[in-house]
Amino acid sequence: MKVPTPATFQSIEALTIGPKCLQCHQSLSTYAGVMQEVKAGDASQSSLYQQVSSGSMPKQSTKLSDAEIAAIYSWIQNGAQN
């Protein structure tokens, strides 16, 4: 059985933030920028998670899939590692 690798900022950025957020939110291109929208360990209090899980973001791109939202949730809940 393969154990999934924990998500990092680089994996979240490459799979979701880069292709779906950066066209409007350049501040999310860095870990420090994303961390302004994240409360590590508490996805429900993180504006990044609130926006994507509610479907209100991204506005100019395809909505995130359930798997993408789950990856962001897991990343934040597990401490939002760089």
N, C-alpha and C. Protein backbone atom coordinates (compact mmCIF):
# COMPACT_ATOMS: atom_id res chain seq x y z
N MET A 1 0.85 -1.19 0.00
CA MET A 1 0.00 0.00 0.00
C MET A 1 0.88 1.24 0.00
N LYS A 2 0.61 2.15 -0.92
CA LYS A 2 1.37 3.39 -1.01
C LYS A 2 0.75 4.43 -0.08
N VAL A 3 1.58 5.01 0.77
CA VAL A 3 1.13 6.06 1.67
C VAL A 3 1.21 7.39 0.93
N PRO A 4 0.12 8.18 0.91
CA PRO A 4 0.16 9.45 0.19
C PRO A 4 1.17 10.41 0.81
N THR A 5 1.85 11.13 -0.04
CA THR A 5 2.78 12.15 0.43
C THR A 5 1.98 13.34 0.92
N PRO A 6 2.33 13.87 2.09
CA PRO A 6 1.60 15.05 2.58
C PRO A 6 1.76 16.23 1.61
N ALA A 7 0.71 16.98 1.43
CA ALA A 7 0.74 18.14 0.55
C ALA A 7 1.66 19.21 1.12
N THR A 8 2.31 19.93 0.24
CA THR A 8 3.14 21.07 0.61
C THR A 8 2.65 22.27 -0.18
N PHE A 9 3.16 23.43 0.14
CA PHE A 9 2.80 24.62 -0.62
C PHE A 9 3.10 24.41 -2.11
N GLN A 10 4.26 23.81 -2.41
CA GLN A 10 4.64 23.62 -3.81
C GLN A 10 3.62 22.74 -4.54
N SER A 11 3.15 21.68 -3.90
CA SER A 11 2.19 20.81 -4.59
C SER A 11 0.84 21.50 -4.75
N ILE A 12 0.40 22.21 -3.74
CA ILE A 12 -0.87 22.94 -3.82
C ILE A 12 -0.77 24.05 -4.86
N GLU A 13 0.36 24.74 -4.88
CA GLU A 13 0.56 25.83 -5.85
C GLU A 13 0.58 25.27 -7.27
N ALA A 14 1.29 24.19 -7.48
CA ALA A 14 1.43 23.64 -8.83
C ALA A 14 0.10 23.11 -9.37
N LEU A 15 -0.70 22.49 -8.51
CA LEU A 15 -1.92 21.84 -8.97
C LEU A 15 -3.16 22.74 -8.97
N THR A 16 -3.21 23.71 -8.07
CA THR A 16 -4.44 24.51 -8.00
C THR A 16 -4.18 26.01 -8.03
N ILE A 17 -3.34 26.51 -7.15
CA ILE A 17 -3.16 27.96 -7.06
C ILE A 17 -2.60 28.53 -8.36
N GLY A 18 -1.54 27.92 -8.87
CA GLY A 18 -0.93 28.41 -10.11
C GLY A 18 -1.90 28.47 -11.27
N PRO A 19 -2.51 27.34 -11.62
CA PRO A 19 -3.38 27.36 -12.79
C PRO A 19 -4.73 28.05 -12.60
N LYS A 20 -5.21 28.17 -11.35
CA LYS A 20 -6.58 28.66 -11.18
C LYS A 20 -6.71 29.96 -10.39
N CYS A 21 -5.65 30.41 -9.75
CA CYS A 21 -5.78 31.60 -8.89
C CYS A 21 -4.89 32.77 -9.32
N LEU A 22 -3.72 32.46 -9.85
CA LEU A 22 -2.73 33.52 -10.09
C LEU A 22 -3.12 34.54 -11.15
N GLN A 23 -4.03 34.19 -12.04
CA GLN A 23 -4.41 35.17 -13.05
C GLN A 23 -5.05 36.40 -12.41
N CYS A 24 -5.62 36.26 -11.23
CA CYS A 24 -6.23 37.40 -10.53
C CYS A 24 -5.53 37.74 -9.21
N HIS A 25 -4.87 36.77 -8.60
CA HIS A 25 -4.31 36.94 -7.26
C HIS A 25 -2.80 36.68 -7.26
N GLN A 26 -2.03 37.62 -7.78
CA GLN A 26 -0.58 37.45 -7.84
C GLN A 26 0.06 37.31 -6.45
N SER A 27 -0.58 37.83 -5.43
CA SER A 27 -0.04 37.72 -4.07
C SER A 27 0.04 36.26 -3.61
N LEU A 28 -0.70 35.37 -4.27
CA LEU A 28 -0.69 33.96 -3.88
C LEU A 28 0.45 33.18 -4.52
N SER A 29 1.34 33.86 -5.21
CA SER A 29 2.44 33.17 -5.89
C SER A 29 3.57 32.77 -4.94
N THR A 30 3.53 33.28 -3.72
CA THR A 30 4.56 32.94 -2.74
C THR A 30 3.92 32.31 -1.51
N TYR A 31 4.72 31.55 -0.81
CA TYR A 31 4.25 30.94 0.43
C TYR A 31 3.78 32.02 1.41
N ALA A 32 4.56 33.09 1.55
CA ALA A 32 4.19 34.17 2.46
C ALA A 32 2.86 34.79 2.06
N GLY A 33 2.63 34.95 0.77
CA GLY A 33 1.37 35.51 0.30
C GLY A 33 0.19 34.61 0.62
N VAL A 34 0.35 33.32 0.39
CA VAL A 34 -0.73 32.37 0.69
C VAL A 34 -0.99 32.33 2.19
N MET A 35 0.07 32.41 2.97
CA MET A 35 -0.11 32.32 4.42
C MET A 35 -0.87 33.51 5.01
N GLN A 36 -1.02 34.58 4.26
CA GLN A 36 -1.87 35.69 4.70
C GLN A 36 -3.34 35.31 4.63
N GLU A 37 -3.64 34.25 3.86
CA GLU A 37 -5.02 33.79 3.68
C GLU A 37 -5.30 32.46 4.38
N VAL A 38 -4.32 31.98 5.15
CA VAL A 38 -4.41 30.65 5.76
C VAL A 38 -4.14 30.74 7.25
N LYS A 39 -4.94 30.04 8.03
CA LYS A 39 -4.66 29.84 9.45
C LYS A 39 -4.24 28.38 9.60
N ALA A 40 -2.93 28.16 9.65
CA ALA A 40 -2.39 26.80 9.69
C ALA A 40 -3.06 26.00 10.80
N GLY A 41 -3.52 24.81 10.45
CA GLY A 41 -4.17 23.93 11.41
C GLY A 41 -5.66 24.14 11.53
N ASP A 42 -6.22 25.14 10.85
CA ASP A 42 -7.65 25.43 10.98
C ASP A 42 -8.22 25.90 9.65
N ALA A 43 -8.55 24.96 8.79
CA ALA A 43 -9.06 25.30 7.46
C ALA A 43 -10.35 26.11 7.55
N SER A 44 -11.21 25.80 8.51
CA SER A 44 -12.49 26.50 8.60
C SER A 44 -12.32 27.98 8.89
N GLN A 45 -11.18 28.38 9.44
CA GLN A 45 -10.90 29.79 9.72
C GLN A 45 -9.94 30.40 8.70
N SER A 46 -9.67 29.70 7.63
CA SER A 46 -8.76 30.17 6.58
C SER A 46 -9.55 30.69 5.40
N SER A 47 -9.33 31.94 5.03
CA SER A 47 -10.12 32.52 3.95
C SER A 47 -9.88 31.80 2.63
N LEU A 48 -8.68 31.28 2.40
CA LEU A 48 -8.44 30.53 1.17
C LEU A 48 -9.39 29.34 1.08
N TYR A 49 -9.47 28.55 2.12
CA TYR A 49 -10.36 27.39 2.12
C TYR A 49 -11.83 27.82 2.05
N GLN A 50 -12.21 28.84 2.80
CA GLN A 50 -13.60 29.30 2.79
C GLN A 50 -14.03 29.69 1.39
N GLN A 51 -13.16 30.40 0.67
CA GLN A 51 -13.51 30.88 -0.67
C GLN A 51 -13.63 29.74 -1.67
N VAL A 52 -12.68 28.80 -1.65
CA VAL A 52 -12.74 27.72 -2.64
C VAL A 52 -13.80 26.68 -2.30
N SER A 53 -14.02 26.43 -1.01
CA SER A 53 -15.02 25.42 -0.65
C SER A 53 -16.45 25.92 -0.86
N SER A 54 -16.64 27.22 -0.77
CA SER A 54 -17.98 27.77 -1.01
C SER A 54 -18.29 27.89 -2.51
N GLY A 55 -17.24 27.80 -3.32
CA GLY A 55 -17.42 27.95 -4.77
C GLY A 55 -17.35 29.39 -5.24
N SER A 56 -17.10 30.33 -4.32
CA SER A 56 -17.04 31.73 -4.73
C SER A 56 -15.72 32.08 -5.43
N MET A 57 -14.74 31.23 -5.30
CA MET A 57 -13.47 31.39 -6.01
C MET A 57 -13.07 30.04 -6.57
N PRO A 58 -12.41 30.01 -7.66
CA PRO A 58 -12.02 31.13 -8.52
C PRO A 58 -13.18 31.61 -9.40
N LYS A 59 -13.18 32.90 -9.66
CA LYS A 59 -14.24 33.48 -10.48
C LYS A 59 -13.93 33.40 -11.97
N GLN A 60 -12.65 33.51 -12.33
CA GLN A 60 -12.27 33.57 -13.74
C GLN A 60 -11.75 32.24 -14.28
N SER A 61 -11.92 31.17 -13.53
CA SER A 61 -11.42 29.87 -13.94
C SER A 61 -12.42 28.80 -13.55
N THR A 62 -12.16 27.59 -13.98
CA THR A 62 -12.99 26.46 -13.61
C THR A 62 -12.96 26.28 -12.10
N LYS A 63 -14.11 26.02 -11.52
CA LYS A 63 -14.17 25.78 -10.08
C LYS A 63 -13.28 24.61 -9.71
N LEU A 64 -12.79 24.60 -8.49
CA LEU A 64 -11.95 23.51 -8.04
C LEU A 64 -12.78 22.24 -7.86
N SER A 65 -12.15 21.12 -8.15
CA SER A 65 -12.81 19.84 -7.97
C SER A 65 -12.87 19.50 -6.48
N ASP A 66 -13.69 18.54 -6.14
CA ASP A 66 -13.76 18.08 -4.75
C ASP A 66 -12.39 17.61 -4.27
N ALA A 67 -11.63 16.95 -5.14
CA ALA A 67 -10.30 16.47 -4.76
C ALA A 67 -9.34 17.63 -4.50
N GLU A 68 -9.42 18.68 -5.32
CA GLU A 68 -8.55 19.85 -5.11
C GLU A 68 -8.90 20.55 -3.81
N ILE A 69 -10.18 20.70 -3.54
CA ILE A 69 -10.62 21.33 -2.29
C ILE A 69 -10.18 20.48 -1.10
N ALA A 70 -10.32 19.17 -1.21
CA ALA A 70 -9.90 18.27 -0.13
C ALA A 70 -8.40 18.36 0.11
N ALA A 71 -7.61 18.51 -0.95
CA ALA A 71 -6.16 18.63 -0.80
C ALA A 71 -5.80 19.93 -0.07
N ILE A 72 -6.47 21.01 -0.40
CA ILE A 72 -6.22 22.29 0.29
C ILE A 72 -6.62 22.17 1.75
N TYR A 73 -7.78 21.57 2.01
CA TYR A 73 -8.23 21.37 3.38
C TYR A 73 -7.20 20.57 4.18
N SER A 74 -6.78 19.47 3.62
CA SER A 74 -5.82 18.59 4.30
C SER A 74 -4.50 19.32 4.55
N TRP A 75 -4.03 20.04 3.55
CA TRP A 75 -2.78 20.79 3.69
C TRP A 75 -2.87 21.80 4.84
N ILE A 76 -3.96 22.55 4.90
CA ILE A 76 -4.12 23.54 5.96
C ILE A 76 -4.25 22.85 7.30
N GLN A 77 -5.09 21.84 7.39
CA GLN A 77 -5.31 21.13 8.66
C GLN A 77 -4.02 20.51 9.20
N ASN A 78 -3.15 20.10 8.29
CA ASN A 78 -1.88 19.48 8.70
C ASN A 78 -0.75 20.49 8.88
N GLY A 79 -1.08 21.75 9.03
CA GLY A 79 -0.08 22.76 9.36
C GLY A 79 0.40 23.64 8.23
N ALA A 80 -0.13 23.45 7.03
CA ALA A 80 0.20 24.32 5.88
C ALA A 80 1.72 24.43 5.69
N GLN A 81 2.35 23.28 5.57
CA GLN A 81 3.81 23.25 5.41
C GLN A 81 4.27 23.82 4.08
N ASN A 82 5.43 24.44 4.11
CA ASN A 82 6.05 24.96 2.89
C ASN A 82 6.76 23.81 2.24
